[in-house]
Each structure stands twice: as structure tokens, then as C-alpha cells.
Amino acid sequence: MGHIIVIGAGQAGASCVARLRNGGFDGQVTLIGAEPVPPYQRPPLSKAYLLGDMALERLFLRPESFYAENNIDLRMNARVDAIDTHAQTVSVGGEMLHYDDLVLTTGSEPNHLPAAIGGALDGVHVVRDLADVDALAPRCISGARVLIVGGGYIGLEAASVAAKLGLQVTLVEMSDRILQRVAAPETSDFFRELHRAHGVDIREGVGLEALKGDGAVTGARLTDGSELDVDFVIVGVGIRPATALAEAAGLALDNGIAVDARGATSAAHVWAAGDCTSFPYRDTRIRLESVPNAIDQAECVADNIMGADKAYVAKPWFWSDQYDVKLQIAGLNTGYDRVVTRRADAESVGFWYYRGDTLLAVDAMNDPRGYMVGKRLIEAGKSPAAELIANPDTDLKALLKA
């Protein structure tokens, strides 16, 4: 049945090869990963793993033996040099591999600070993969002074862990408020209050002008003129799709590797899934940076390689763990014009996003019931009246039957 090569041994790549085998594909399968370990979970890296609550082996999506047992050629610590879509070959460390179908699950890469403002100094870290967190861990000593650049979910999760470890935490966000790009002011207010209650110094509307240090970072100068002494820096200023291989191979790009509804790229027999892709969604194209999307899209691609010929229908949902708060997000809030607050109890609250009378998304803090109902309503295309959502006496489950 031919040879399928999957480049990128993250969540999407691991999901794709497992689906191929579970779906009955009995040809050759090769999974190529740049890291020296089997595919692993990324979300716990900067939380449970960094806190010491999760051992390395527990990060692995499947035991390493799974790949051999399922006749999957897992190539770790291997980097792809080039793809030739006409010859249908992949060059890996000087070896040329032929494929019948190729799947790109190359994921995303963190944005770095420019070297001109100190981004190359020792002690400046990003948090994306295992090596990043292993390099960061020795610096996380109680009392150490850390500057976190960026007030998105990456930066806020890093701040949460740092505060738990007893560090002195300062977070700067150059926008007017934390989470400005992704959430309503109500959600920003909730997490600002939460972090300040745990001793985090949050400074909004303030950017980083430059880091100071001779070889290693020792301080920071901010755009408001203030200066900080720091022991290390964590940079959380977003990620970008890893498209270098795809671009060099001549694939069409559009905020990531452009794929159709089936996950097919612009080149024959080349597919893509996960963070690295943009795909059709309703009347536009989107790129989703989430574990659920990586799994579901990769499994859809595997099915289509085996002849399913089905469209991927995204069901966007995300989560973030900060201190004792679990944020669960359903839907996409793009284009909202009002936010309805629903407070389940003193410890739980949800912010429901509407555009006109249409429910778009839900941010649920420690409110799993509200999240699940909101997710099911959005997926079913149902939009309860905002007044019903705001009324704490409304039985949410009853709305699903309406």
C-alpha cells in the first residue's frame, strides 16, 4: 500500500500515524521528529513538568515501544533537509526516502526577542519544547527575579508557575491589557486580579525597551523609563507556524501551510495538519493553535489518505490552567459585540460572547457545566437569549432541548 512519511513528531504527527494503523493501513509508515525523545504532551511542560509533579515518561503520548509494536519507523533526533514534491522524496541526514503520501505536522515555533535589544543574552528563555523547559528549570529558585514579556496565555501560565515556585514575578504587556488579542476585558480583569492576588506585578501598556547584561541578562529597561534587576527572562510573545520546509518545497502558504477541507496542500500527495496549517472554516480561513485541533485534523488527514474523502469540521476549544483556576474556552469570539456574564457561584464565572443575537464563544472559569453546555450550543448552531444566560436561575441543560 505504499509508504507514508510524516514530518513532525508532535501531537499531530503521533495522532496521524496511530490513526493510520488503527484504520488498517498496512504499508510502510515513517514518523520523523527533530527531538531526541518520542512524541510527548506539550501543555504540561510549563506546568506539571516544570513544577516537578510529572516525570518525563508521563509526558510521552505513548510508550516508545508502541511505535515498534505497530511497525512505525520512528526516527528521533532527525532533521529533514529538503522535500522534492515532484520526485516525491524527502532528504533526511543525507538519506533519500521516497513517499507515496507525505504529511507535514511541523507545528509552530516561538517568537524570540531581537538580539538588538538583548534577546540573545544568556538567561533569556522561551517555553515551547522539552529542551526549553529543561534549560529553564535550574533558574526557578525561590526568591529569583523573573521578568515575563507578554501577557497572553503563554506568559500568564508561566507567571502562575513562577509564582507557585516562590519567584518574584514581573509581567509586562505592551498592549493596554493582558489577553487583549484573544479575550474580552472581563476575562482580562478576572486574570489580572487573580495574578495580583498571588503577588505578580503586572504592568500593562508597558513594553520592553531593552535587556541589560554582559553576556548574561541582569536587568531590563522598560518603555515607561523604569528599570528592573532580573535574574532571568521568559519570553511569551506568541508563536508562528513552522513553514520553512513547506515554503522551500514550493507549497502554497496563507498564514501557515494552506490546505483544503480534506487537509491536502497545493502539491499532489502532500498533506498537512495541526498548528502549521490554515484551513477553510465557515466563510473564511483560520489557523488554530490547540491540542484538540492537532489531533482531530491529523486523524482526518489519515482517514483521507486511506480514501475517506471527508472534510475536516473544526470544533474550536482550548484551555488554560493558572493557579487553581481552569479556564475552558469553546468557540471563536472573533467579531463579538457584547459579553454576557454568568456567575454560577462564588468560585465560578463564565463570559459568553455574542454578535448580535448569535452566540460565538464562551470563556468558563472553574465552570465545567457552563463550558460543556456552551460548547454543545455553539456546535449545534443554537443561540439562547442573552437574558437567559445572564439569569443564574436558568437551567443551562434545558437550553440544549430548546
Protein backbone atom coordinates (compact mmCIF):
# COMPACT_ATOMS: atom_id res chain seq x y z
CA MET A 1 0.00 0.00 0.00
CA GLY A 2 2.97 2.30 -0.28
CA HIS A 3 4.98 4.46 2.07
CA ILE A 4 3.58 7.32 4.17
CA ILE A 5 6.07 9.72 5.72
CA VAL A 6 5.00 12.10 8.48
CA ILE A 7 7.34 15.00 9.26
CA GLY A 8 6.91 16.38 12.76
CA ALA A 9 6.65 14.12 15.81
CA GLY A 10 4.34 16.21 17.95
CA GLN A 11 0.70 15.73 18.85
CA ALA A 12 -0.49 15.89 15.25
CA GLY A 13 2.18 13.59 13.87
CA ALA A 14 1.66 10.99 16.58
CA SER A 15 -2.11 11.13 16.09
CA CYS A 16 -1.77 10.70 12.33
CA VAL A 17 0.41 7.58 12.44
CA ALA A 18 -1.71 5.97 15.16
CA ARG A 19 -4.86 6.59 13.12
CA LEU A 20 -3.26 5.08 10.02
CA ARG A 21 -2.51 1.87 11.86
CA ASN A 22 -5.84 1.79 13.70
CA GLY A 23 -7.59 2.37 10.37
CA GLY A 24 -5.97 -0.68 8.82
CA PHE A 25 -3.18 0.85 6.75
CA ASP A 26 -0.56 -1.89 6.44
CA GLY A 27 2.02 -0.15 4.28
CA GLN A 28 5.23 1.48 5.45
CA VAL A 29 4.90 4.36 7.94
CA THR A 30 7.76 6.64 8.93
CA LEU A 31 7.48 9.36 11.60
CA ILE A 32 10.34 11.86 11.66
CA GLY A 33 10.97 14.06 14.69
CA ALA A 34 13.70 16.60 15.39
CA GLU A 35 13.79 15.96 19.14
CA PRO A 36 15.65 13.06 20.81
CA VAL A 37 12.52 11.74 22.57
CA PRO A 38 9.25 10.13 21.41
CA PRO A 39 6.20 12.35 20.84
CA TYR A 40 5.06 13.99 24.07
CA GLN A 41 2.44 16.30 25.52
CA ARG A 42 3.41 19.96 25.41
CA PRO A 43 0.83 21.63 27.70
CA PRO A 44 2.18 20.02 30.92
CA LEU A 45 5.75 21.07 30.11
CA SER A 46 5.49 24.55 31.58
CA LYS A 47 3.15 23.44 34.37
CA ALA A 48 3.25 19.97 35.95
CA TYR A 49 6.64 19.02 34.48
CA LEU A 50 8.34 22.29 35.47
CA LEU A 51 6.78 22.08 38.94
CA GLY A 52 8.20 18.59 39.33
CA ASP A 53 4.76 16.98 39.51
CA MET A 54 5.16 14.93 36.32
CA ALA A 55 8.05 12.67 35.32
CA LEU A 56 9.44 12.71 31.79
CA GLU A 57 7.98 9.32 30.87
CA ARG A 58 4.49 10.50 31.81
CA LEU A 59 4.79 13.23 29.18
CA PHE A 60 5.07 10.67 26.39
CA LEU A 61 1.87 10.31 24.38
CA ARG A 62 2.58 6.60 24.04
CA PRO A 63 5.41 4.36 25.26
CA GLU A 64 8.32 4.25 22.84
CA SER A 65 7.59 0.54 22.36
CA PHE A 66 4.23 1.45 20.75
CA TYR A 67 5.93 2.52 17.54
CA ALA A 68 7.94 -0.66 17.08
CA GLU A 69 4.97 -2.83 18.03
CA ASN A 70 2.89 -1.10 15.33
CA ASN A 71 5.62 -1.23 12.70
CA ILE A 72 6.07 2.55 12.72
CA ASP A 73 9.60 3.67 11.89
CA LEU A 74 10.09 6.42 14.48
CA ARG A 75 13.16 8.48 13.66
CA MET A 76 14.11 10.69 16.56
CA ASN A 77 16.74 13.45 16.58
CA ALA A 78 16.38 13.61 12.80
CA ARG A 79 16.05 16.74 10.72
CA VAL A 80 14.62 16.91 7.23
CA ASP A 81 16.88 18.78 4.83
CA ALA A 82 14.55 19.07 1.85
CA ILE A 83 11.36 17.87 0.21
CA ASP A 84 11.05 17.26 -3.54
CA THR A 85 7.35 17.12 -4.32
CA HIS A 86 7.94 16.17 -7.96
CA ALA A 87 10.21 13.21 -7.23
CA GLN A 88 8.19 12.51 -4.05
CA THR A 89 11.31 12.30 -1.90
CA VAL A 90 12.43 13.54 1.48
CA SER A 91 16.08 14.10 2.33
CA VAL A 92 16.93 13.22 5.94
CA GLY A 93 20.53 13.49 7.07
CA GLY A 94 21.82 12.66 3.59
CA GLU A 95 19.43 9.72 3.14
CA MET A 96 16.78 9.97 0.44
CA LEU A 97 13.36 8.49 1.29
CA HIS A 98 10.59 8.01 -1.25
CA TYR A 99 6.99 8.59 -0.23
CA ASP A 100 3.62 7.80 -1.74
CA ASP A 101 1.96 10.29 0.61
CA LEU A 102 3.63 12.91 2.78
CA VAL A 103 2.10 14.61 5.83
CA LEU A 104 3.56 17.79 7.30
CA THR A 105 2.85 18.19 11.01
CA THR A 106 5.67 20.60 11.71
CA GLY A 107 3.77 22.58 14.34
CA SER A 108 4.78 26.06 15.39
CA GLU A 109 7.79 27.98 16.64
CA PRO A 110 8.06 30.59 19.40
CA ASN A 111 8.79 34.20 18.57
CA HIS A 112 12.09 35.43 20.04
CA LEU A 113 13.22 38.87 21.14
CA PRO A 114 15.58 40.59 18.68
CA ALA A 115 19.26 40.28 19.50
CA ALA A 116 19.50 44.08 19.16
CA ILE A 117 17.56 44.51 22.43
CA GLY A 118 19.27 41.69 24.28
CA GLY A 119 17.30 38.69 23.08
CA ALA A 120 20.48 36.62 22.61
CA LEU A 121 21.74 37.12 26.18
CA ASP A 122 22.15 34.07 28.40
CA GLY A 123 19.16 33.74 30.71
CA VAL A 124 16.56 34.73 28.10
CA HIS A 125 14.20 31.81 27.59
CA VAL A 126 11.22 30.75 25.52
CA VAL A 127 8.91 27.92 26.62
CA ARG A 128 7.99 25.65 23.76
CA ASP A 129 9.69 22.25 23.93
CA LEU A 130 11.34 19.89 26.39
CA ALA A 131 14.80 21.36 25.91
CA ASP A 132 13.44 24.85 26.65
CA VAL A 133 11.93 23.76 29.95
CA ASP A 134 14.95 21.68 30.96
CA ALA A 135 17.13 24.77 30.42
CA LEU A 136 14.73 26.94 32.38
CA ALA A 137 14.17 24.67 35.40
CA PRO A 138 17.52 25.28 37.20
CA ARG A 139 16.80 29.00 37.29
CA CYS A 140 13.44 28.60 39.03
CA ILE A 141 14.74 29.03 42.56
CA SER A 142 12.57 30.60 45.25
CA GLY A 143 13.31 34.30 45.50
CA ALA A 144 14.76 34.62 41.99
CA ARG A 145 13.62 37.63 39.99
CA VAL A 146 11.98 36.81 36.67
CA LEU A 147 10.66 39.15 34.01
CA ILE A 148 7.95 37.74 31.78
CA VAL A 149 7.48 39.53 28.47
CA GLY A 150 3.97 39.08 27.08
CA GLY A 151 0.56 38.94 28.69
CA GLY A 152 -1.08 36.27 26.57
CA TYR A 153 -1.87 32.78 27.82
CA ILE A 154 1.75 31.64 27.45
CA GLY A 155 3.03 34.48 29.62
CA LEU A 156 0.26 34.17 32.19
CA GLU A 157 0.74 30.42 32.58
CA ALA A 158 4.47 30.99 33.06
CA ALA A 159 3.71 33.64 35.67
CA SER A 160 1.42 31.25 37.50
CA VAL A 161 4.09 28.55 37.76
CA ALA A 162 6.81 31.03 38.69
CA ALA A 163 4.68 32.47 41.49
CA LYS A 164 3.90 28.96 42.77
CA LEU A 165 7.65 28.29 42.91
CA GLY A 166 8.18 31.38 45.03
CA LEU A 167 9.82 33.61 42.45
CA GLN A 168 9.48 37.39 42.30
CA VAL A 169 7.47 37.84 39.12
CA THR A 170 7.06 40.93 36.95
CA LEU A 171 5.00 40.64 33.77
CA VAL A 172 4.90 43.34 31.11
CA GLU A 173 2.34 43.63 28.34
CA MET A 174 2.72 46.39 25.77
CA SER A 175 -1.00 46.35 24.86
CA ASP A 176 -3.50 48.20 27.02
CA ARG A 177 -4.42 44.99 28.83
CA ILE A 178 -3.40 41.38 29.18
CA LEU A 179 -5.13 38.95 26.80
CA GLN A 180 -6.22 41.87 24.63
CA ARG A 181 -5.79 39.94 21.38
CA VAL A 182 -7.76 36.87 22.46
CA ALA A 183 -10.29 37.74 25.16
CA ALA A 184 -12.81 40.29 26.35
CA PRO A 185 -11.94 42.89 29.02
CA GLU A 186 -13.97 40.84 31.50
CA THR A 187 -11.63 37.87 31.12
CA SER A 188 -8.60 40.16 31.29
CA ASP A 189 -9.93 41.67 34.53
CA PHE A 190 -10.50 38.24 36.04
CA PHE A 191 -6.95 37.05 35.40
CA ARG A 192 -5.33 40.36 36.33
CA GLU A 193 -6.98 40.18 39.74
CA LEU A 194 -6.04 36.51 40.09
CA HIS A 195 -2.36 37.11 39.37
CA ARG A 196 -2.07 40.18 41.54
CA ALA A 197 -3.61 38.21 44.40
CA HIS A 198 -0.68 35.82 44.03
CA GLY A 199 1.90 38.59 44.13
CA VAL A 200 2.58 39.01 40.40
CA ASP A 201 3.49 42.57 39.38
CA ILE A 202 1.50 43.07 36.16
CA ARG A 203 2.34 46.17 34.12
CA GLU A 204 0.06 46.86 31.16
CA GLY A 205 0.66 49.39 28.42
CA VAL A 206 4.37 48.93 29.08
CA GLY A 207 6.79 47.24 26.71
CA LEU A 208 10.36 46.07 26.92
CA GLU A 209 12.83 48.59 25.53
CA ALA A 210 16.00 46.58 26.11
CA LEU A 211 17.60 43.93 28.27
CA LYS A 212 20.88 44.68 30.00
CA GLY A 213 23.84 42.46 30.74
CA ASP A 214 27.34 41.50 29.65
CA GLY A 215 26.82 38.04 28.17
CA ALA A 216 24.04 37.21 30.63
CA VAL A 217 20.91 39.20 31.38
CA THR A 218 20.98 41.22 34.60
CA GLY A 219 18.31 43.84 34.06
CA ALA A 220 15.66 45.36 31.86
CA ARG A 221 14.70 48.86 30.76
CA LEU A 222 11.00 49.33 30.04
CA THR A 223 9.30 51.74 27.69
CA ASP A 224 7.99 53.85 30.58
CA GLY A 225 11.58 54.56 31.62
CA SER A 226 11.61 52.23 34.61
CA GLU A 227 14.39 49.71 35.14
CA LEU A 228 14.35 46.25 36.75
CA ASP A 229 17.02 43.97 38.13
CA VAL A 230 16.30 40.46 36.84
CA ASP A 231 17.88 37.04 37.15
CA PHE A 232 16.28 35.65 34.02
CA VAL A 233 13.59 36.39 31.43
CA ILE A 234 10.77 34.31 29.94
CA VAL A 235 9.54 35.46 26.53
CA GLY A 236 5.90 34.73 25.73
CA VAL A 237 5.18 36.88 22.69
CA GLY A 238 3.35 34.35 20.56
CA ILE A 239 4.17 31.60 18.11
CA ARG A 240 4.25 31.29 14.33
CA PRO A 241 3.61 28.33 12.04
CA ALA A 242 6.71 26.31 11.18
CA THR A 243 6.57 26.55 7.40
CA ALA A 244 10.21 26.72 6.27
CA LEU A 245 10.22 23.22 4.78
CA ALA A 246 6.89 23.78 3.06
CA GLU A 247 7.97 27.11 1.63
CA ALA A 248 11.24 25.69 0.32
CA ALA A 249 9.23 22.89 -1.33
CA GLY A 250 7.03 25.43 -3.11
CA LEU A 251 3.80 24.74 -1.23
CA ALA A 252 1.17 27.48 -1.06
CA LEU A 253 1.18 29.41 2.21
CA ASP A 254 -1.54 31.51 3.81
CA ASN A 255 -0.87 32.20 7.49
CA GLY A 256 0.57 28.69 7.59
CA ILE A 257 0.55 25.86 5.09
CA ALA A 258 -2.64 26.32 3.08
CA VAL A 259 -4.75 23.16 2.95
CA ASP A 260 -8.21 22.41 1.64
CA ALA A 261 -11.03 20.99 3.72
CA ARG A 262 -9.54 17.50 3.45
CA GLY A 263 -6.08 18.60 4.61
CA ALA A 264 -4.49 18.44 1.15
CA THR A 265 -1.84 21.03 0.25
CA SER A 266 -1.18 22.60 -3.15
CA ALA A 267 1.12 19.70 -4.10
CA ALA A 268 -0.15 16.27 -5.05
CA HIS A 269 0.18 13.59 -2.36
CA VAL A 270 1.24 16.16 0.25
CA TRP A 271 -0.97 16.81 3.27
CA ALA A 272 -0.66 18.89 6.42
CA ALA A 273 -2.29 19.11 9.85
CA GLY A 274 -2.03 20.92 13.16
CA ASP A 275 -0.60 24.29 14.18
CA CYS A 276 1.27 24.69 10.91
CA THR A 277 -1.86 24.81 8.74
CA SER A 278 -4.57 27.24 7.76
CA PHE A 279 -7.81 25.71 6.56
CA PRO A 280 -11.36 26.62 5.48
CA TYR A 281 -13.71 27.47 8.34
CA ARG A 282 -17.21 28.71 7.56
CA ASP A 283 -16.69 31.67 5.21
CA THR A 284 -13.02 32.31 5.96
CA ARG A 285 -9.70 30.60 6.66
CA ILE A 286 -8.27 30.11 10.13
CA ARG A 287 -5.27 28.63 11.87
CA LEU A 288 -5.84 27.01 15.27
CA GLU A 289 -3.12 26.58 17.86
CA SER A 290 -4.56 23.84 20.05
CA VAL A 291 -4.15 20.20 21.01
CA PRO A 292 -7.72 19.23 20.01
CA ASN A 293 -7.26 20.69 16.55
CA ALA A 294 -3.91 18.93 16.10
CA ILE A 295 -5.47 15.57 16.97
CA ASP A 296 -8.72 15.92 15.03
CA GLN A 297 -7.24 17.39 11.87
CA ALA A 298 -4.39 14.85 11.79
CA GLU A 299 -6.86 11.97 12.18
CA CYS A 300 -8.99 13.41 9.37
CA VAL A 301 -5.92 13.57 7.11
CA ALA A 302 -5.07 9.96 7.92
CA ASP A 303 -8.60 8.90 7.06
CA ASN A 304 -8.46 10.82 3.77
CA ILE A 305 -5.16 9.22 2.80
CA MET A 306 -6.96 5.91 3.24
CA GLY A 307 -9.76 7.09 0.94
CA ALA A 308 -12.40 8.62 3.23
CA ASP A 309 -12.63 11.86 1.21
CA LYS A 310 -14.22 13.81 4.07
CA ALA A 311 -14.00 17.44 5.14
CA TYR A 312 -12.49 18.46 8.44
CA VAL A 313 -15.06 20.32 10.53
CA ALA A 314 -13.25 22.20 13.28
CA LYS A 315 -14.82 22.45 16.73
CA PRO A 316 -12.59 25.02 18.37
CA TRP A 317 -11.93 24.61 22.07
CA PHE A 318 -8.99 25.47 24.29
CA TRP A 319 -7.96 25.51 27.93
CA SER A 320 -5.54 27.20 30.30
CA ASP A 321 -4.57 26.26 33.87
CA GLN A 322 -3.47 29.07 36.17
CA TYR A 323 -3.16 28.52 39.93
CA ASP A 324 -6.38 26.77 41.00
CA VAL A 325 -8.37 28.15 38.05
CA LYS A 326 -9.17 26.10 34.98
CA LEU A 327 -10.21 28.23 32.03
CA GLN A 328 -12.09 26.38 29.29
CA ILE A 329 -12.91 28.14 26.04
CA ALA A 330 -15.43 26.99 23.45
CA GLY A 331 -15.83 28.60 20.05
CA LEU A 332 -14.12 31.63 18.49
CA ASN A 333 -15.02 35.11 19.73
CA THR A 334 -13.97 36.96 16.56
CA GLY A 335 -16.43 39.75 15.79
CA TYR A 336 -18.26 39.78 19.15
CA ASP A 337 -20.09 42.95 20.12
CA ARG A 338 -21.22 42.14 23.64
CA VAL A 339 -20.31 39.89 26.53
CA VAL A 340 -22.82 38.34 28.93
CA THR A 341 -21.64 37.38 32.40
CA ARG A 342 -22.98 34.27 34.06
CA ARG A 343 -21.85 33.63 37.61
CA ALA A 344 -22.54 30.04 38.64
CA ASP A 345 -21.30 30.56 42.22
CA ALA A 346 -18.65 32.47 44.15
CA GLU A 347 -15.83 30.39 42.61
CA SER A 348 -17.15 30.04 39.06
CA VAL A 349 -17.90 32.52 36.30
CA GLY A 350 -18.47 32.44 32.57
CA PHE A 351 -18.29 35.13 29.91
CA TRP A 352 -20.49 34.42 26.89
CA TYR A 353 -19.66 36.21 23.62
CA TYR A 354 -22.43 37.34 21.27
CA ARG A 355 -22.51 39.03 17.89
CA GLY A 356 -26.00 40.44 17.76
CA ASP A 357 -28.17 37.52 18.85
CA THR A 358 -25.65 34.85 17.80
CA LEU A 359 -23.63 33.00 20.42
CA LEU A 360 -19.99 32.81 19.32
CA ALA A 361 -17.90 31.62 22.25
CA VAL A 362 -17.68 31.01 25.98
CA ASP A 363 -14.87 31.63 28.47
CA ALA A 364 -15.62 29.47 31.52
CA MET A 365 -13.54 29.80 34.69
CA ASN A 366 -13.96 26.81 37.02
CA ASP A 367 -17.35 26.28 35.37
CA PRO A 368 -17.23 22.94 33.52
CA ARG A 369 -21.03 22.75 33.24
CA GLY A 370 -21.23 26.16 31.58
CA TYR A 371 -18.38 25.25 29.27
CA MET A 372 -19.91 21.94 28.17
CA VAL A 373 -23.35 23.42 27.56
CA GLY A 374 -21.88 26.39 25.73
CA LYS A 375 -19.75 24.12 23.54
CA ARG A 376 -22.72 21.96 22.60
CA LEU A 377 -24.89 25.00 21.87
CA ILE A 378 -22.24 26.51 19.59
CA GLU A 379 -21.67 23.25 17.75
CA ALA A 380 -25.44 22.87 17.25
CA GLY A 381 -25.79 26.44 15.99
CA LYS A 382 -28.12 27.39 18.86
CA SER A 383 -28.09 30.85 20.43
CA PRO A 384 -30.13 31.25 23.64
CA ALA A 385 -31.33 34.72 24.51
CA ALA A 386 -28.63 36.61 26.38
CA GLU A 387 -31.08 37.32 29.20
CA LEU A 388 -31.45 33.60 29.84
CA ILE A 389 -27.68 33.15 30.09
CA ALA A 390 -27.32 36.07 32.49
CA ASN A 391 -30.04 34.73 34.79
CA PRO A 392 -28.38 32.41 37.35
CA ASP A 393 -31.69 30.57 37.80
CA THR A 394 -31.72 29.40 34.18
CA ASP A 395 -31.22 25.66 33.81
CA LEU A 396 -28.47 25.57 31.18
CA LYS A 397 -29.08 21.99 30.18
CA ALA A 398 -32.68 22.81 29.34
CA LEU A 399 -31.38 25.22 26.70
CA LEU A 400 -29.98 22.29 24.75
CA LYS A 401 -33.50 20.94 24.24
CA ALA A 402 -34.99 24.24 23.18
